[in-house]
Amino acid sequence: MSRKDTAFTPSQRAYLNSLPAIKHATATRIYYTSQFHKDAVQQYDNGVRPSVIFAQAGMPSTLIGSKRIERCINRRENTDYTQSG
């Protein structure tokens, strides 16, 4: 699968950029706000499934893909979002 196959359309980007959890979305990347990351990690640590966390924030896996959700949550292992700051 090429990058073109996973690119967001202009209307999808506009929608993503309108969400409070999104800092910025491009054709192929999503940049989440720090607050969303912190909230997502806290919910995940409390047992909420990643797909549910993202769907509640307006980003179902049918829109952004399950791999993006998985990668975002897995990044928490390298970054401590539970600390204040």
N, C-alpha and C. Protein backbone atom coordinates (compact mmCIF):
# COMPACT_ATOMS: atom_id res chain seq x y z
N MET A 1 0.85 -1.18 0.00
CA MET A 1 0.00 0.00 0.00
C MET A 1 0.89 1.24 0.00
N SER A 2 0.66 2.14 -0.90
CA SER A 2 1.46 3.35 -1.00
C SER A 2 0.90 4.45 -0.11
N ARG A 3 1.70 5.51 0.08
CA ARG A 3 1.24 6.66 0.87
C ARG A 3 -0.02 7.28 0.26
N LYS A 4 -0.11 7.26 -1.05
CA LYS A 4 -1.27 7.85 -1.70
C LYS A 4 -2.56 7.15 -1.28
N ASP A 5 -2.46 5.84 -1.05
CA ASP A 5 -3.63 5.07 -0.63
C ASP A 5 -4.11 5.46 0.76
N THR A 6 -3.22 6.00 1.58
CA THR A 6 -3.58 6.35 2.95
C THR A 6 -3.72 7.85 3.16
N ALA A 7 -3.65 8.63 2.10
CA ALA A 7 -3.74 10.08 2.23
C ALA A 7 -5.17 10.52 2.55
N PHE A 8 -5.26 11.57 3.36
CA PHE A 8 -6.55 12.14 3.68
C PHE A 8 -6.99 13.09 2.57
N THR A 9 -8.27 13.09 2.28
CA THR A 9 -8.82 14.02 1.30
C THR A 9 -8.87 15.42 1.92
N PRO A 10 -9.02 16.45 1.09
CA PRO A 10 -9.15 17.81 1.65
C PRO A 10 -10.31 17.92 2.64
N SER A 11 -11.43 17.27 2.37
CA SER A 11 -12.56 17.36 3.31
C SER A 11 -12.27 16.61 4.61
N GLN A 12 -11.56 15.49 4.54
CA GLN A 12 -11.18 14.78 5.75
C GLN A 12 -10.20 15.61 6.58
N ARG A 13 -9.25 16.26 5.91
CA ARG A 13 -8.30 17.13 6.62
C ARG A 13 -9.02 18.28 7.30
N ALA A 14 -9.98 18.88 6.60
CA ALA A 14 -10.74 19.98 7.19
C ALA A 14 -11.48 19.51 8.43
N TYR A 15 -12.08 18.34 8.34
CA TYR A 15 -12.78 17.78 9.51
C TYR A 15 -11.80 17.52 10.65
N LEU A 16 -10.70 16.86 10.37
CA LEU A 16 -9.72 16.55 11.41
C LEU A 16 -9.19 17.83 12.05
N ASN A 17 -8.89 18.83 11.24
CA ASN A 17 -8.37 20.09 11.77
C ASN A 17 -9.39 20.83 12.62
N SER A 18 -10.66 20.48 12.50
CA SER A 18 -11.70 21.13 13.30
C SER A 18 -11.86 20.50 14.69
N LEU A 19 -11.24 19.36 14.90
CA LEU A 19 -11.38 18.64 16.17
C LEU A 19 -10.45 19.21 17.24
N PRO A 20 -10.93 19.34 18.47
CA PRO A 20 -10.10 19.87 19.56
C PRO A 20 -8.87 19.00 19.85
N ALA A 21 -8.93 17.71 19.56
CA ALA A 21 -7.82 16.80 19.85
C ALA A 21 -6.68 16.91 18.84
N ILE A 22 -6.93 17.59 17.73
CA ILE A 22 -5.95 17.68 16.65
C ILE A 22 -5.28 19.04 16.64
N LYS A 23 -3.94 19.00 16.68
CA LYS A 23 -3.19 20.24 16.55
C LYS A 23 -3.14 20.63 15.08
N HIS A 24 -2.86 19.63 14.21
CA HIS A 24 -2.77 19.88 12.77
C HIS A 24 -2.82 18.54 12.03
N ALA A 25 -3.49 18.52 10.90
CA ALA A 25 -3.53 17.33 10.06
C ALA A 25 -3.10 17.70 8.65
N THR A 26 -2.24 16.87 8.06
CA THR A 26 -1.82 17.05 6.68
C THR A 26 -2.41 15.90 5.86
N ALA A 27 -2.01 15.79 4.63
CA ALA A 27 -2.52 14.72 3.78
C ALA A 27 -2.15 13.33 4.32
N THR A 28 -1.02 13.23 5.00
CA THR A 28 -0.57 11.92 5.45
C THR A 28 -0.26 11.82 6.94
N ARG A 29 -0.35 12.93 7.68
CA ARG A 29 0.01 12.90 9.10
C ARG A 29 -1.01 13.61 9.96
N ILE A 30 -1.08 13.16 11.21
CA ILE A 30 -1.94 13.80 12.20
C ILE A 30 -1.06 14.17 13.39
N TYR A 31 -1.16 15.41 13.82
CA TYR A 31 -0.44 15.88 15.00
C TYR A 31 -1.49 16.14 16.08
N TYR A 32 -1.39 15.41 17.17
CA TYR A 32 -2.37 15.52 18.25
C TYR A 32 -1.92 16.57 19.26
N THR A 33 -2.88 17.15 19.97
CA THR A 33 -2.53 18.10 21.02
C THR A 33 -1.93 17.33 22.21
N SER A 34 -1.13 18.02 22.99
CA SER A 34 -0.55 17.40 24.19
C SER A 34 -1.64 16.96 25.15
N GLN A 35 -2.68 17.77 25.25
CA GLN A 35 -3.77 17.43 26.17
C GLN A 35 -4.47 16.14 25.73
N PHE A 36 -4.68 15.96 24.43
CA PHE A 36 -5.30 14.73 23.96
C PHE A 36 -4.42 13.54 24.30
N HIS A 37 -3.11 13.67 24.07
CA HIS A 37 -2.19 12.58 24.41
C HIS A 37 -2.30 12.23 25.89
N LYS A 38 -2.27 13.23 26.74
CA LYS A 38 -2.37 12.99 28.18
C LYS A 38 -3.68 12.30 28.54
N ASP A 39 -4.78 12.82 28.00
CA ASP A 39 -6.09 12.24 28.28
C ASP A 39 -6.20 10.81 27.75
N ALA A 40 -5.68 10.58 26.55
CA ALA A 40 -5.74 9.25 25.94
C ALA A 40 -4.96 8.24 26.76
N VAL A 41 -3.78 8.62 27.20
CA VAL A 41 -2.96 7.72 28.01
C VAL A 41 -3.65 7.41 29.33
N GLN A 42 -4.23 8.41 29.95
CA GLN A 42 -4.93 8.20 31.22
C GLN A 42 -6.11 7.25 31.03
N GLN A 43 -6.88 7.46 29.97
CA GLN A 43 -8.02 6.57 29.71
C GLN A 43 -7.55 5.16 29.42
N TYR A 44 -6.48 5.04 28.62
CA TYR A 44 -5.93 3.73 28.28
C TYR A 44 -5.47 3.00 29.55
N ASP A 45 -4.78 3.73 30.42
CA ASP A 45 -4.33 3.14 31.68
C ASP A 45 -5.50 2.72 32.57
N ASN A 46 -6.65 3.33 32.37
CA ASN A 46 -7.86 2.97 33.12
C ASN A 46 -8.67 1.88 32.43
N GLY A 47 -8.13 1.32 31.35
CA GLY A 47 -8.77 0.18 30.71
C GLY A 47 -9.64 0.47 29.51
N VAL A 48 -9.69 1.72 29.05
CA VAL A 48 -10.50 2.05 27.88
C VAL A 48 -9.72 1.64 26.63
N ARG A 49 -10.39 0.98 25.71
CA ARG A 49 -9.74 0.55 24.47
C ARG A 49 -9.36 1.75 23.61
N PRO A 50 -8.20 1.71 22.95
CA PRO A 50 -7.76 2.83 22.11
C PRO A 50 -8.78 3.23 21.05
N SER A 51 -9.43 2.25 20.43
CA SER A 51 -10.41 2.58 19.39
C SER A 51 -11.57 3.39 19.96
N VAL A 52 -11.94 3.11 21.20
CA VAL A 52 -13.02 3.85 21.86
C VAL A 52 -12.57 5.27 22.17
N ILE A 53 -11.35 5.41 22.67
CA ILE A 53 -10.80 6.73 22.99
C ILE A 53 -10.82 7.63 21.76
N PHE A 54 -10.34 7.12 20.65
CA PHE A 54 -10.27 7.91 19.43
C PHE A 54 -11.64 8.18 18.84
N ALA A 55 -12.52 7.19 18.90
CA ALA A 55 -13.88 7.39 18.38
C ALA A 55 -14.61 8.47 19.18
N GLN A 56 -14.43 8.47 20.49
CA GLN A 56 -15.06 9.49 21.32
C GLN A 56 -14.52 10.89 21.02
N ALA A 57 -13.29 10.95 20.52
CA ALA A 57 -12.69 12.24 20.16
C ALA A 57 -13.03 12.64 18.72
N GLY A 58 -13.84 11.81 18.04
CA GLY A 58 -14.26 12.13 16.68
C GLY A 58 -13.39 11.53 15.60
N MET A 59 -12.54 10.57 15.99
CA MET A 59 -11.61 9.96 15.03
C MET A 59 -11.78 8.45 15.02
N PRO A 60 -12.84 7.94 14.42
CA PRO A 60 -13.02 6.49 14.37
C PRO A 60 -11.95 5.84 13.49
N SER A 61 -11.69 4.58 13.73
CA SER A 61 -10.67 3.87 12.95
C SER A 61 -11.02 3.83 11.47
N THR A 62 -12.29 3.93 11.14
CA THR A 62 -12.67 3.95 9.72
C THR A 62 -12.18 5.21 9.03
N LEU A 63 -11.93 6.25 9.78
CA LEU A 63 -11.41 7.50 9.22
C LEU A 63 -9.89 7.55 9.24
N ILE A 64 -9.29 7.28 10.40
CA ILE A 64 -7.84 7.46 10.51
C ILE A 64 -7.05 6.17 10.42
N GLY A 65 -7.71 5.04 10.55
CA GLY A 65 -7.03 3.76 10.45
C GLY A 65 -6.59 3.24 11.81
N SER A 66 -6.71 1.96 11.99
CA SER A 66 -6.37 1.35 13.27
C SER A 66 -4.88 1.40 13.57
N LYS A 67 -4.05 1.41 12.52
CA LYS A 67 -2.60 1.45 12.73
C LYS A 67 -2.18 2.78 13.35
N ARG A 68 -2.78 3.88 12.91
CA ARG A 68 -2.47 5.19 13.50
C ARG A 68 -2.84 5.22 14.98
N ILE A 69 -3.98 4.65 15.31
CA ILE A 69 -4.43 4.61 16.70
C ILE A 69 -3.44 3.79 17.53
N GLU A 70 -3.08 2.63 17.02
CA GLU A 70 -2.14 1.76 17.72
C GLU A 70 -0.80 2.46 17.94
N ARG A 71 -0.28 3.10 16.91
CA ARG A 71 1.02 3.79 17.03
C ARG A 71 0.96 4.93 18.03
N CYS A 72 -0.11 5.69 18.02
CA CYS A 72 -0.24 6.82 18.94
C CYS A 72 -0.22 6.33 20.38
N ILE A 73 -0.96 5.30 20.67
CA ILE A 73 -1.00 4.77 22.04
C ILE A 73 0.34 4.15 22.41
N ASN A 74 0.99 3.47 21.48
CA ASN A 74 2.27 2.84 21.78
C ASN A 74 3.38 3.86 22.04
N ARG A 75 3.26 5.05 21.52
CA ARG A 75 4.27 6.08 21.77
C ARG A 75 4.37 6.42 23.25
N ARG A 76 3.31 6.15 23.97
CA ARG A 76 3.30 6.47 25.40
C ARG A 76 4.41 5.73 26.14
N GLU A 77 4.85 4.60 25.61
CA GLU A 77 5.91 3.84 26.27
C GLU A 77 7.23 4.62 26.26
N ASN A 78 7.39 5.51 25.28
CA ASN A 78 8.62 6.29 25.17
C ASN A 78 8.49 7.69 25.75
N THR A 79 7.29 8.11 26.07
CA THR A 79 7.06 9.45 26.60
C THR A 79 6.16 9.35 27.81
N ASP A 80 6.53 10.00 28.87
CA ASP A 80 5.73 9.95 30.09
C ASP A 80 4.74 11.10 30.09
N TYR A 81 3.52 10.86 29.61
CA TYR A 81 2.48 11.89 29.57
C TYR A 81 1.73 11.99 30.88
N THR A 82 2.04 11.11 31.80
CA THR A 82 1.31 11.14 33.06
C THR A 82 1.87 12.17 34.03
N GLN A 83 3.08 12.65 33.76
CA GLN A 83 3.67 13.69 34.60
C GLN A 83 3.10 15.03 34.22
N SER A 84 2.99 15.93 35.18
CA SER A 84 2.50 17.27 34.87
C SER A 84 3.57 18.03 34.11
N GLY A 85 3.12 18.94 33.23
CA GLY A 85 4.10 19.74 32.53
C GLY A 85 3.83 19.94 31.15
